[in-house]
Protein backbone atom coordinates (compact mmCIF):
# COMPACT_ATOMS: atom_id res chain seq x y z
CA UNK A 1 -4.07 30.51 9.23
CA UNK A 2 -1.83 28.97 11.90
CA UNK A 3 -1.94 32.35 13.63
CA UNK A 4 -5.74 32.26 13.74
CA UNK A 5 -5.67 28.75 15.22
CA UNK A 6 -3.08 29.75 17.84
CA UNK A 7 -5.07 32.87 18.77
CA UNK A 8 -8.15 30.72 19.22
CA UNK A 9 -6.17 28.42 21.48
CA UNK A 10 -4.60 31.20 23.53
CA UNK A 11 -7.81 33.17 24.07
CA UNK A 12 -8.48 33.02 27.84
CA UNK A 13 -5.77 30.37 28.08
CA UNK A 14 -7.98 27.79 26.39
CA UNK A 15 -9.29 26.62 23.03
CA UNK A 16 -12.88 27.91 22.75
CA UNK A 17 -13.59 26.32 19.39
CA UNK A 18 -12.10 22.99 20.39
CA UNK A 19 -13.74 23.06 23.83
CA UNK A 20 -17.12 23.92 22.36
CA UNK A 21 -16.89 21.15 19.77
CA UNK A 22 -15.60 18.65 22.33
CA UNK A 23 -18.17 19.38 24.99
CA UNK A 24 -21.13 19.52 22.65
CA UNK A 25 -19.97 16.35 20.89
CA UNK A 26 -20.08 14.58 24.23
CA UNK A 27 -23.62 15.75 24.78
CA UNK A 28 -24.52 14.80 21.22
CA UNK A 29 -25.92 18.32 20.79
CA UNK A 30 -23.82 19.03 17.75
CA UNK A 31 -23.23 16.96 14.64
CA UNK A 32 -19.95 16.56 12.79
CA UNK A 33 -21.37 18.68 9.99
CA UNK A 34 -22.14 21.52 12.40
CA UNK A 35 -18.70 21.24 14.01
CA UNK A 36 -17.00 21.46 10.61
CA UNK A 37 -19.15 24.50 9.80
CA UNK A 38 -17.91 26.19 13.00
CA UNK A 39 -14.29 25.53 12.06
CA UNK A 40 -14.94 26.69 8.50
CA UNK A 41 -16.44 29.98 9.64
CA UNK A 42 -13.75 30.62 12.25
CA UNK A 43 -10.75 29.71 10.06
CA UNK A 44 -12.01 30.41 6.54
CA UNK A 45 -11.42 26.82 5.40
CA UNK A 46 -13.50 25.10 2.70
CA UNK A 47 -15.48 21.93 3.44
CA UNK A 48 -15.18 19.30 0.71
CA UNK A 49 -16.40 15.77 0.12
CA UNK A 50 -15.21 13.21 -2.42
CA UNK A 51 -11.60 13.75 -1.41
CA UNK A 52 -10.65 10.18 -2.39
CA UNK A 53 -10.70 11.31 -6.01
CA UNK A 54 -8.09 13.99 -5.17
CA UNK A 55 -5.60 11.59 -3.54
CA UNK A 56 -2.27 11.72 -5.39
CA UNK A 57 0.24 11.13 -2.56
CA UNK A 58 1.48 7.53 -2.78
CA UNK A 59 3.91 7.31 0.15
CA UNK A 60 3.27 7.45 3.91
CA UNK A 61 7.03 7.72 4.62
CA UNK A 62 6.89 4.91 7.15
CA UNK A 63 4.25 6.59 9.31
CA UNK A 64 1.73 3.94 10.49
CA UNK A 65 -1.92 4.09 9.48
CA UNK A 66 -2.97 4.47 13.12
CA UNK A 67 -1.22 7.85 13.33
CA UNK A 68 -3.16 9.31 10.39
CA UNK A 69 -6.42 8.02 11.84
CA UNK A 70 -5.68 9.36 15.32
CA UNK A 71 -4.79 12.78 13.97
CA UNK A 72 -7.67 12.74 11.49
CA UNK A 73 -5.88 13.94 8.37
CA UNK A 74 -4.69 12.60 5.03
CA UNK A 75 -2.26 14.20 2.54
CA UNK A 76 -3.85 14.67 -0.89
CA UNK A 77 -1.40 16.29 -3.32
CA UNK A 78 1.45 18.80 -3.68
CA UNK A 79 1.51 21.84 -5.98
CA UNK A 80 4.50 24.19 -6.23
CA UNK A 81 5.87 23.16 -2.85
CA UNK A 82 2.49 23.36 -1.10
CA UNK A 83 0.95 20.25 0.47
CA UNK A 84 -2.86 20.09 0.39
CA UNK A 85 -4.29 18.13 3.30
CA UNK A 86 -7.83 17.01 4.17
CA UNK A 87 -8.32 17.29 7.92
CA UNK A 88 -11.19 16.76 10.32
CA UNK A 89 -9.80 18.73 13.26
CA UNK A 90 -7.62 21.67 12.16
CA UNK A 91 -6.29 22.05 15.72
CA UNK A 92 -4.01 19.11 14.88
CA UNK A 93 -2.10 21.31 12.40
CA UNK A 94 1.26 20.56 14.11
CA UNK A 95 1.05 16.91 12.94
CA UNK A 96 0.36 18.10 9.41
CA UNK A 97 3.27 20.53 9.60
CA UNK A 98 5.63 17.71 10.61
CA UNK A 99 4.47 15.52 7.73
CA UNK A 100 4.83 18.40 5.24
CA UNK A 101 8.47 18.80 6.27
CA UNK A 102 9.09 15.11 5.54
CA UNK A 103 7.71 15.65 2.05
CA UNK A 104 9.96 18.69 1.62
CA UNK A 105 7.02 21.10 1.29
CA UNK A 106 7.32 24.75 2.32
CA UNK A 107 3.67 25.35 3.14
CA UNK A 108 0.35 23.58 3.68
CA UNK A 109 -3.20 24.12 2.50
CA UNK A 110 -6.10 22.74 4.55
CA UNK A 111 -9.44 21.28 3.45
CA UNK A 112 -12.06 20.30 6.03
CA UNK A 113 -13.69 16.93 5.41
CA UNK A 114 -15.87 14.38 7.27
CA UNK A 115 -13.97 11.71 9.16
CA UNK A 116 -15.53 8.90 7.11
CA UNK A 117 -14.16 10.45 3.90
CA UNK A 118 -10.74 10.94 5.45
CA UNK A 119 -10.61 7.32 6.64
CA UNK A 120 -11.53 6.10 3.15
CA UNK A 121 -8.66 8.14 1.68
CA UNK A 122 -6.29 6.85 4.38
CA UNK A 123 -7.23 3.28 3.49
CA UNK A 124 -6.54 4.00 -0.16
CA UNK A 125 -3.15 5.52 0.74
CA UNK A 126 -2.27 2.33 2.62
CA UNK A 127 -3.79 -0.01 0.01
CA UNK A 128 -1.65 -3.14 0.08
CA UNK A 129 -1.15 -4.03 -3.57
CA UNK A 130 -0.46 -7.45 -5.01
CA UNK A 131 3.21 -6.44 -5.20
CA UNK A 132 3.19 -6.00 -1.41
CA UNK A 133 1.67 -9.45 -1.07
CA UNK A 134 4.35 -10.99 -3.29
CA UNK A 135 7.00 -9.28 -1.21
CA UNK A 136 5.36 -10.68 1.91
CA UNK A 137 5.41 -14.18 0.39
CA UNK A 138 9.14 -13.83 -0.15
CA UNK A 139 9.56 -12.86 3.50
CA UNK A 140 7.51 -15.89 4.50
CA UNK A 141 9.89 -18.29 2.71
CA UNK A 142 12.17 -18.16 5.74
CA UNK A 143 9.33 -18.24 8.24
CA UNK A 144 8.99 -21.37 10.38
CA UNK A 145 5.77 -21.59 12.35
CA UNK A 146 5.80 -22.58 16.01
CA UNK A 147 3.39 -22.62 18.92
CA UNK A 148 3.89 -18.91 19.61
CA UNK A 149 2.70 -17.96 16.12
CA UNK A 150 -0.82 -19.13 16.89
CA UNK A 151 -0.89 -18.60 20.64
CA UNK A 152 -2.80 -15.32 20.67
CA UNK A 153 -5.13 -15.02 17.69
CA UNK A 154 -7.92 -12.92 19.10
CA UNK A 155 -10.26 -11.19 16.66
CA UNK A 156 -8.57 -8.16 15.16
CA UNK A 157 -10.18 -4.75 15.67
CA UNK A 158 -9.39 -3.78 12.09
CA UNK A 159 -7.29 -5.77 9.63
CA UNK A 160 -6.00 -2.55 8.04
CA UNK A 161 -4.35 -1.64 11.37
CA UNK A 162 -2.26 -4.79 11.61
CA UNK A 163 1.34 -4.16 10.57
CA UNK A 164 3.21 -6.06 13.29
CA UNK A 165 1.50 -9.46 13.49
CA UNK A 166 3.07 -12.80 12.56
CA UNK A 167 3.64 -13.13 8.80
CA UNK A 168 0.99 -15.83 8.30
CA UNK A 169 -1.62 -13.66 9.98
CA UNK A 170 -0.56 -10.71 7.85
CA UNK A 171 -0.78 -12.85 4.70
CA UNK A 172 -4.34 -13.94 5.51
CA UNK A 173 -5.23 -10.33 6.22
CA UNK A 174 -3.82 -9.29 2.84
CA UNK A 175 -5.95 -11.93 1.10
CA UNK A 176 -9.09 -10.75 2.89
CA UNK A 177 -8.50 -7.03 2.35
CA UNK A 178 -7.61 -7.52 -1.31
CA UNK A 179 -10.82 -9.50 -1.84
CA UNK A 180 -12.87 -6.66 -0.37
CA UNK A 181 -11.07 -4.02 -2.41
CA UNK A 182 -11.72 -5.95 -5.59
CA UNK A 183 -15.36 -6.50 -4.53
CA UNK A 184 -15.03 -10.27 -4.70
CA UNK A 185 -17.97 -12.41 -3.63
CA UNK A 186 -15.89 -15.53 -2.89
CA UNK A 187 -12.29 -16.45 -2.08
CA UNK A 188 -11.00 -19.87 -3.19
CA UNK A 189 -7.85 -21.22 -1.53
CA UNK A 190 -6.92 -24.31 -3.54
CA UNK A 191 -4.05 -26.71 -2.71
CA UNK A 192 -2.12 -28.44 -5.49
CA UNK A 193 0.96 -30.65 -5.59
CA UNK A 194 3.54 -27.82 -5.53
CA UNK A 195 1.59 -24.64 -4.82
CA UNK A 196 -1.49 -23.06 -3.28
CA UNK A 197 -3.61 -20.91 -5.58
CA UNK A 198 -5.80 -18.08 -4.33
CA UNK A 199 -8.63 -17.11 -6.65
CA UNK A 200 -11.32 -14.43 -6.28
CA UNK A 201 -14.78 -14.61 -7.83
CA UNK A 202 -15.45 -11.13 -9.18
CA UNK A 203 -18.69 -10.43 -11.05
CA UNK A 204 -19.30 -14.18 -11.26
CA UNK A 205 -15.91 -15.05 -12.83
CA UNK A 206 -12.92 -16.60 -11.03
CA UNK A 207 -9.55 -14.83 -11.34
CA UNK A 208 -6.23 -16.16 -10.04
CA UNK A 209 -4.76 -13.53 -7.73
CA UNK A 210 -1.90 -15.23 -5.84
CA UNK A 211 0.19 -18.38 -6.22
CA UNK A 212 1.70 -19.24 -2.83
CA UNK A 213 4.40 -21.74 -1.79
CA UNK A 214 3.06 -25.17 -0.79
CA UNK A 215 4.74 -24.93 2.63
CA UNK A 216 2.31 -22.14 3.64
CA UNK A 217 -0.80 -24.23 3.07
CA UNK A 218 -1.13 -25.78 6.54
CA UNK A 219 -0.49 -22.44 8.26
CA UNK A 220 -3.12 -20.60 6.19
CA UNK A 221 -5.70 -23.32 6.87
CA UNK A 222 -4.92 -23.25 10.60
CA UNK A 223 -5.22 -19.47 10.76
CA UNK A 224 -8.62 -19.47 9.06
CA UNK A 225 -9.83 -22.34 11.25
CA UNK A 226 -8.87 -20.39 14.35
CA UNK A 227 -10.70 -17.31 13.08
CA UNK A 228 -13.82 -19.39 12.33
CA UNK A 229 -13.66 -21.38 15.60
CA UNK A 230 -13.21 -24.68 13.76
CA UNK A 231 -11.26 -27.78 14.83
CA UNK A 232 -7.62 -27.31 13.83
CA UNK A 233 -6.76 -30.97 14.43
CA UNK A 234 -9.56 -32.34 12.23
CA UNK A 235 -8.40 -32.66 8.63
CA UNK A 236 -10.40 -35.65 7.37
CA UNK A 237 -13.98 -34.37 7.25
CA UNK A 238 -15.60 -31.21 5.85
CA UNK A 239 -16.09 -28.30 8.24
CA UNK A 240 -18.28 -25.21 7.96
CA UNK A 241 -18.04 -22.08 10.03
CA UNK A 242 -18.47 -18.36 10.13
CA UNK A 243 -16.25 -15.46 11.08
CA UNK A 244 -16.66 -11.73 11.48
CA UNK A 245 -13.96 -9.19 10.70
CA UNK A 246 -13.62 -5.44 10.42
CA UNK A 247 -11.72 -4.09 7.44
CA UNK A 248 -11.33 -0.33 7.00
CA UNK A 249 -14.21 0.28 9.44
CA UNK A 250 -16.48 -2.09 7.48
CA UNK A 251 -18.12 -5.00 9.32
CA UNK A 252 -17.90 -8.11 7.14
CA UNK A 253 -19.35 -11.59 7.69
CA UNK A 254 -17.55 -14.49 6.02
CA UNK A 255 -18.89 -18.02 5.58
CA UNK A 256 -16.11 -20.61 5.71
CA UNK A 257 -16.33 -24.00 4.03
CA UNK A 258 -13.43 -26.45 4.24
CA UNK A 259 -13.27 -29.85 2.50
CA UNK A 260 -10.41 -32.38 2.33
CA UNK A 261 -8.93 -32.83 -1.15
CA UNK A 262 -6.14 -34.94 -2.67
CA UNK A 263 -3.45 -32.33 -1.91
CA UNK A 264 -4.85 -30.95 1.34
CA UNK A 265 -7.81 -28.99 2.61
CA UNK A 266 -9.53 -26.64 0.21
CA UNK A 267 -11.22 -23.49 1.52
CA UNK A 268 -13.98 -21.34 0.06
CA UNK A 269 -14.86 -18.09 1.81
CA UNK A 270 -18.18 -16.42 0.94
CA UNK A 271 -18.01 -12.69 1.67
CA UNK A 272 -21.13 -10.99 3.03
CA UNK A 273 -20.33 -7.30 3.30
CA UNK A 274 -22.83 -5.69 5.69
CA UNK A 275 -21.75 -2.19 4.71
CA UNK A 276 -23.16 -2.70 1.19
CA UNK A 277 -26.74 -1.54 1.21
CA UNK A 278 -29.33 -3.82 -0.32
CA UNK A 279 -30.42 -2.97 -3.83
CA UNK A 280 -33.81 -1.44 -4.37
CA UNK A 281 -36.19 -2.95 -6.88
CA UNK A 282 -35.45 -0.13 -9.30
CA UNK A 283 -31.74 -1.02 -9.23
CA UNK A 284 -32.15 -4.69 -10.12
CA UNK A 285 -32.20 -4.19 -13.90
CA UNK A 286 -35.88 -4.77 -14.61
CA UNK A 287 -37.57 -2.83 -17.39
CA UNK A 288 -40.33 -0.40 -16.41
CA UNK A 289 -43.01 -2.84 -17.51
CA UNK A 290 -41.41 -5.74 -15.62
CA UNK A 291 -41.00 -3.59 -12.53
CA UNK A 292 -44.66 -2.58 -12.64
CA UNK A 293 -45.72 -6.23 -12.98
CA UNK A 294 -43.39 -7.36 -10.19
CA UNK A 295 -44.53 -4.65 -7.78
CA UNK A 296 -48.12 -5.64 -8.44
CA UNK A 297 -47.33 -9.28 -7.64
CA UNK A 298 -45.52 -8.64 -4.35
CA UNK A 299 -48.35 -6.40 -3.17
CA UNK A 300 -50.82 -9.31 -3.20
CA UNK A 301 -52.18 -10.61 0.12
CA UNK A 302 -51.81 -14.31 -0.68
CA UNK A 303 -50.18 -16.66 -3.14
CA UNK A 304 -46.70 -17.92 -3.99
CA UNK A 305 -44.06 -15.96 -5.90
CA UNK A 306 -41.08 -18.04 -7.01
CA UNK A 307 -37.69 -16.73 -8.14
CA UNK A 308 -35.64 -19.25 -10.12
CA UNK A 309 -32.13 -19.48 -11.47
CA UNK A 310 -28.79 -21.19 -10.80
CA UNK A 311 -26.65 -20.57 -7.75
CA UNK A 312 -25.24 -17.04 -7.74
CA UNK A 313 -27.86 -15.54 -10.02
CA UNK A 314 -29.12 -13.03 -7.45
CA UNK A 315 -32.34 -14.78 -6.38
CA UNK A 316 -32.00 -13.94 -2.69
CA UNK A 317 -31.10 -10.32 -3.47
CA UNK A 318 -34.31 -10.00 -5.50
CA UNK A 319 -36.39 -11.41 -2.66
CA UNK A 320 -34.72 -9.10 -0.13
CA UNK A 321 -35.48 -6.13 -2.37
CA UNK A 322 -39.11 -7.27 -2.60
CA UNK A 323 -39.41 -7.62 1.17
CA UNK A 324 -37.84 -4.20 1.71
CA UNK A 325 -40.39 -2.69 -0.65
CA UNK A 326 -43.44 -4.11 1.15
CA UNK A 327 -42.00 -4.03 4.68
CA UNK A 328 -44.04 -1.89 7.06
CA UNK A 329 -45.20 -1.80 10.67
CA UNK A 330 -48.57 -3.17 9.58
CA UNK A 331 -47.12 -6.43 8.25
CA UNK A 332 -45.65 -9.38 10.09
CA UNK A 333 -42.85 -10.72 7.88
CA UNK A 334 -40.90 -13.84 8.84
CA UNK A 335 -38.17 -15.57 6.84
CA UNK A 336 -36.40 -18.92 7.12
CA UNK A 337 -33.05 -18.95 5.35
CA UNK A 338 -29.92 -21.02 4.89
CA UNK A 339 -27.97 -18.95 5.65
CA UNK A 340 -29.20 -15.49 6.68
CA UNK A 341 -27.18 -13.30 4.31
CA UNK A 342 -28.32 -9.83 5.39
CA UNK A 343 -30.21 -8.54 8.40
CA UNK A 344 -33.53 -6.96 7.49
CA UNK A 345 -34.84 -4.33 9.89
CA UNK A 346 -38.25 -5.18 11.29
CA UNK A 347 -38.24 -8.70 9.82
CA UNK A 348 -38.07 -11.92 11.84
CA UNK A 349 -35.35 -14.15 10.38
CA UNK A 350 -34.75 -17.83 11.18
CA UNK A 351 -31.52 -19.65 10.40
CA UNK A 352 -31.83 -23.28 9.21
CA UNK A 353 -29.91 -25.62 11.52
CA UNK A 354 -29.70 -29.24 10.42
CA UNK A 355 -27.89 -30.22 13.64
CA UNK A 356 -31.04 -29.43 15.65
CA UNK A 357 -33.33 -30.68 12.86
CA UNK A 358 -34.51 -27.12 12.13
CA UNK A 359 -35.22 -27.65 8.44
CA UNK A 360 -37.13 -25.47 6.00
CA UNK A 361 -40.22 -27.62 6.46
CA UNK A 362 -40.10 -27.69 10.25
CA UNK A 363 -39.34 -23.97 10.48
CA UNK A 364 -42.15 -23.18 8.05
CA UNK A 365 -44.64 -25.08 10.21
CA UNK A 366 -43.57 -23.06 13.25
CA UNK A 367 -43.78 -19.77 11.35
CA UNK A 368 -47.43 -20.43 10.54
CA UNK A 369 -48.21 -20.36 14.28
CA UNK A 370 -46.82 -16.82 14.56
CA UNK A 371 -49.58 -15.11 12.59
CA UNK A 372 -47.42 -14.04 9.60
CA UNK A 373 -48.60 -11.91 6.71
CA UNK A 374 -45.58 -12.59 4.50
CA UNK A 375 -43.28 -15.62 4.61
CA UNK A 376 -39.98 -16.02 2.80
CA UNK A 377 -38.62 -19.56 2.42
CA UNK A 378 -34.99 -19.52 1.32
CA UNK A 379 -35.44 -22.48 -1.01
CA UNK A 380 -38.03 -25.14 -1.77
CA UNK A 381 -35.92 -28.30 -1.75
CA UNK A 382 -38.41 -31.11 -1.15
CA UNK A 383 -42.06 -32.11 -1.39
CA UNK A 384 -42.76 -31.43 2.29
CA UNK A 385 -41.61 -27.82 2.08
CA UNK A 386 -43.45 -27.31 -1.22
CA UNK A 387 -46.72 -28.66 0.20
CA UNK A 388 -46.53 -26.55 3.37
CA UNK A 389 -45.76 -23.42 1.33
CA UNK A 390 -48.70 -24.19 -0.98
CA UNK A 391 -51.11 -24.69 1.93
CA UNK A 392 -49.83 -21.47 3.56
CA UNK A 393 -50.54 -19.47 0.40
CA UNK A 394 -54.04 -20.95 0.13
CA UNK A 395 -54.85 -19.91 3.71
CA UNK A 396 -54.16 -16.22 3.21
CA UNK A 397 -50.38 -15.85 3.38
CA UNK A 398 -48.01 -14.34 0.84
CA UNK A 399 -45.10 -16.73 0.28
CA UNK A 400 -41.78 -15.87 -1.40
CA UNK A 401 -39.31 -18.62 -2.26
CA UNK A 402 -36.68 -19.82 -4.75
CA UNK A 403 -36.12 -22.85 -6.97
CA UNK A 404 -33.17 -24.04 -9.04
CA UNK A 405 -34.46 -24.23 -12.62
CA UNK A 406 -33.20 -22.90 -15.94
CA UNK A 407 -36.24 -20.79 -16.79
CA UNK A 408 -39.61 -19.71 -15.44
CA UNK A 409 -41.64 -22.44 -17.17
CA UNK A 410 -39.28 -25.08 -15.78
CA UNK A 411 -40.37 -24.19 -12.22
CA UNK A 412 -43.90 -25.44 -12.92
CA UNK A 413 -42.80 -28.88 -14.10
CA UNK A 414 -40.18 -29.04 -11.31
CA UNK A 415 -42.92 -28.70 -8.68
CA UNK A 416 -44.93 -31.41 -10.42
CA UNK A 417 -41.87 -33.67 -10.44
CA UNK A 418 -41.50 -33.09 -6.68
CA UNK A 419 -45.00 -34.48 -6.22
CA UNK A 420 -47.14 -31.35 -5.80
CA UNK A 421 -50.56 -31.74 -7.41
CA UNK A 422 -50.87 -29.58 -10.56
CA UNK A 423 -54.23 -28.16 -9.46
CA UNK A 424 -52.63 -26.97 -6.18
CA UNK A 425 -49.83 -25.27 -8.10
CA UNK A 426 -52.37 -23.60 -10.39
CA UNK A 427 -54.42 -22.40 -7.42
CA UNK A 428 -51.57 -21.04 -5.32
CA UNK A 429 -48.83 -19.87 -7.70
CA UNK A 430 -49.01 -16.21 -8.76
CA UNK A 431 -45.93 -16.03 -10.97
CA UNK A 432 -42.40 -17.28 -11.54
CA UNK A 433 -39.48 -14.89 -12.03
CA UNK A 434 -36.38 -16.34 -13.73
CA UNK A 435 -33.20 -14.31 -13.59
CA UNK A 436 -29.51 -14.22 -14.39
CA UNK A 437 -26.72 -11.74 -13.74
CA UNK A 438 -24.79 -10.33 -16.70
CA UNK A 439 -21.58 -8.37 -16.40
CA UNK A 440 -21.78 -4.72 -17.39
CA UNK A 441 -19.29 -3.14 -19.78
CA UNK A 442 -16.51 -1.36 -17.87
CA UNK A 443 -17.14 2.40 -18.14
CA UNK A 444 -13.39 3.17 -17.96
CA UNK A 445 -12.46 1.24 -21.13
CA UNK A 446 -15.78 1.25 -22.98
CA UNK A 447 -15.33 1.54 -26.75
CA UNK A 448 -17.69 1.33 -29.73
CA UNK A 449 -17.43 -1.53 -32.20
CA UNK A 450 -19.44 -3.10 -35.02
CA UNK A 451 -20.26 -6.84 -34.89
CA UNK A 452 -20.24 -8.96 -38.01
CA UNK A 453 -23.27 -8.56 -40.26
CA UNK A 454 -24.19 -12.24 -39.95
CA UNK A 455 -24.33 -11.93 -36.15
CA UNK A 456 -26.62 -8.91 -36.34
CA UNK A 457 -28.93 -10.68 -38.77
CA UNK A 458 -29.04 -13.84 -36.68
CA UNK A 459 -30.29 -12.02 -33.60
CA UNK A 460 -32.36 -9.38 -35.34
CA UNK A 461 -30.19 -6.48 -34.23
CA UNK A 462 -30.16 -3.21 -36.22
CA UNK A 463 -27.34 -2.83 -38.72
CA UNK A 464 -26.79 0.88 -38.12
CA UNK A 465 -26.67 0.82 -34.33
CA UNK A 466 -23.46 1.44 -32.37
CA UNK A 467 -22.51 -1.44 -30.07
CA UNK A 468 -20.06 -1.29 -27.18
CA UNK A 469 -17.49 -3.48 -25.46
CA UNK A 470 -14.65 -3.02 -22.97
CA UNK A 471 -11.07 -3.18 -24.20
CA UNK A 472 -9.77 -4.16 -20.74
CA UNK A 473 -8.05 -1.97 -18.15
CA UNK A 474 -6.61 -2.14 -14.63
CA UNK A 475 -9.94 -1.25 -12.98
CA UNK A 476 -11.75 -4.25 -14.52
CA UNK A 477 -9.04 -6.95 -14.21
CA UNK A 478 -8.45 -6.60 -17.99
CA UNK A 479 -11.80 -8.29 -18.58
CA UNK A 480 -13.69 -5.37 -20.13
CA UNK A 481 -16.50 -5.81 -17.59
CA UNK A 482 -17.19 -4.16 -14.24
CA UNK A 483 -20.28 -4.69 -12.11
CA UNK A 484 -23.38 -6.70 -12.91
CA UNK A 485 -27.06 -6.21 -13.63
CA UNK A 486 -29.98 -8.61 -13.91
CA UNK A 487 -31.84 -10.04 -16.88
CA UNK A 488 -35.34 -11.32 -16.13
CA UNK A 489 -38.36 -13.15 -17.44
CA UNK A 490 -41.66 -13.09 -15.56
CA UNK A 491 -44.22 -15.83 -16.20
CA UNK A 492 -47.55 -14.70 -14.74
CA UNK A 493 -50.05 -17.48 -14.15
CA UNK A 494 -53.30 -17.07 -16.08
CA UNK A 495 -56.14 -19.33 -17.23
CA UNK A 496 -54.30 -20.66 -20.28
CA UNK A 497 -51.07 -21.45 -18.37
CA UNK A 498 -53.07 -23.19 -15.62
CA UNK A 499 -54.93 -25.27 -18.23
CA UNK A 500 -51.63 -26.37 -19.80
CA UNK A 501 -50.22 -27.25 -16.39
CA UNK A 502 -53.17 -29.40 -15.32
CA UNK A 503 -53.24 -31.14 -18.70
CA UNK A 504 -49.62 -32.29 -18.23
CA UNK A 505 -47.90 -30.03 -20.80
CA UNK A 506 -44.10 -29.88 -20.68
CA UNK A 507 -42.08 -26.75 -19.89
CA UNK A 508 -41.23 -26.08 -23.56
CA UNK A 509 -44.91 -25.92 -24.52
CA UNK A 510 -45.75 -23.72 -21.52
CA UNK A 511 -42.89 -21.34 -22.39
CA UNK A 512 -43.96 -21.07 -26.04
CA UNK A 513 -47.52 -20.16 -25.03
CA UNK A 514 -46.26 -17.67 -22.42
CA UNK A 515 -44.07 -15.94 -25.03
CA UNK A 516 -47.05 -15.70 -27.42
CA UNK A 517 -49.00 -14.11 -24.59
CA UNK A 518 -46.35 -11.40 -24.11
CA UNK A 519 -43.65 -12.83 -21.83
CA UNK A 520 -40.16 -11.44 -22.44
CA UNK A 521 -37.56 -14.21 -22.24
CA UNK A 522 -34.21 -13.98 -20.48
CA UNK A 523 -32.42 -13.78 -23.82
CA UNK A 524 -34.70 -11.05 -25.19
CA UNK A 525 -34.26 -9.00 -22.03
CA UNK A 526 -30.50 -9.46 -22.39
CA UNK A 527 -30.65 -8.28 -26.03
CA UNK A 528 -32.44 -5.11 -24.91
CA UNK A 529 -29.52 -4.41 -22.57
CA UNK A 530 -27.09 -5.03 -25.43
CA UNK A 531 -28.93 -2.41 -27.50
CA UNK A 532 -28.68 0.03 -24.59
CA UNK A 533 -24.90 -0.48 -24.37
CA UNK A 534 -25.04 -2.00 -20.88
CA UNK A 535 -23.55 -5.39 -21.76
CA UNK A 536 -22.35 -7.46 -24.71
CA UNK A 537 -23.97 -10.14 -26.82
CA UNK A 538 -21.29 -12.65 -25.77
CA UNK A 539 -22.11 -12.06 -22.12
CA UNK A 540 -25.85 -12.49 -22.65
CA UNK A 541 -25.28 -15.74 -24.55
CA UNK A 542 -22.96 -16.98 -21.80
CA UNK A 543 -25.45 -16.57 -18.96
CA UNK A 544 -28.62 -17.51 -20.81
CA UNK A 545 -27.01 -20.58 -22.45
CA UNK A 546 -28.51 -19.73 -25.81
């Protein structure tokens, strides 16, 4: 094969394949897929995707990550002295040949692959494990910070590329990259009397990842403050900021919140990964009947649709999915959020700013002057916002918003408690969706088991059905769970519910009537997912507080 590449290079003293690909790439007349097809036809090489699953090589032999990226190849595995390599440009075979010699291989086998796949495999090859972090902490024991350590802290092009920066910077980078690899939603950096704990929230549960020496606390806080453009000297009052980083070619926004505690400043980082595509309605976890009902509700021209649940229950994700479903060039959709978590194409989004007195209520008033068809209010927090949203829905606008209540019926009485007239709620409110997120059973350690007979009888579960749970493995942090899905209840307003509301009925009475009229509760929806083997009874009871 090397002979064919060399002949291609030597033909007319040039490289026709390489020149053609290079020139046409510049003109954007040829895609990467077409270029790989040209190489495949000329050299007889296969084109493969999903190469990350084939990665078996664990050592880069001291070669930096930048070299593999520049050359566009990654070693996959060795068989009988032959090194198999995924490469994007086979004309870089000399670099592969050099690496094969370091591995002691006699020959090489090439696979063509897209550059994005190769970069993902490279990142996995250079994955900095927790053992690397512990080793770094040991190196940091002797580290004494000075002015030079924080003199030049410009935003890094890619945290995975940094192998030569000051140890504190490298340590912060390790924390951030590890959080992304473990798909954490939040990072907690918590100071105590003799140590600093780093915990990640994964699938709604906090796990302790690192325990760092106390002497590193001030340096870590300073580094994160610099990255978020916060005041390094101010340590007595809370500070909030935002930073943007790139990790393994993924753009990530991070919200930074710092508060002073007894043993120093505590930091919580909320990770907003832009590379993660928003879920579609069909991926939320709703049953077919619920999905049909929900789609019918969001297609209305006017009214209010509320999504309720505690913090972190996926309310905003549900509203984003709803807006994506109805978004079109014929609709003017405007949102006011605190904060804007994801950018929605074709949607006007306003960020709440208390410093300039841009509140939900004030922003909502301004939105109404922009001829909107659909309005999303991040949260109804006070009477003023609730009244403006109600009036907007009664004048021909579709309003989406959220509330913090335990169940769907509780949203009705919560609005009444705020001061909204019950007849206005009955006239404007279309439905309330309550939701929670339950952890799914890890597919890698999923095993069947049989609960106790008394438990099955208590919850009306079939005696002969097979139930599942995770035994715990390395891919799920030994928890037995990996990933999450939603459980829902949808309370649709009808004549009977409106009558109960205006007569002053409490939320318990309203819920009982709604269930009799066919509403599936959060717990019942969770039980259906237990029967399907998606989650466990313990998990459903945990999130629904039954």
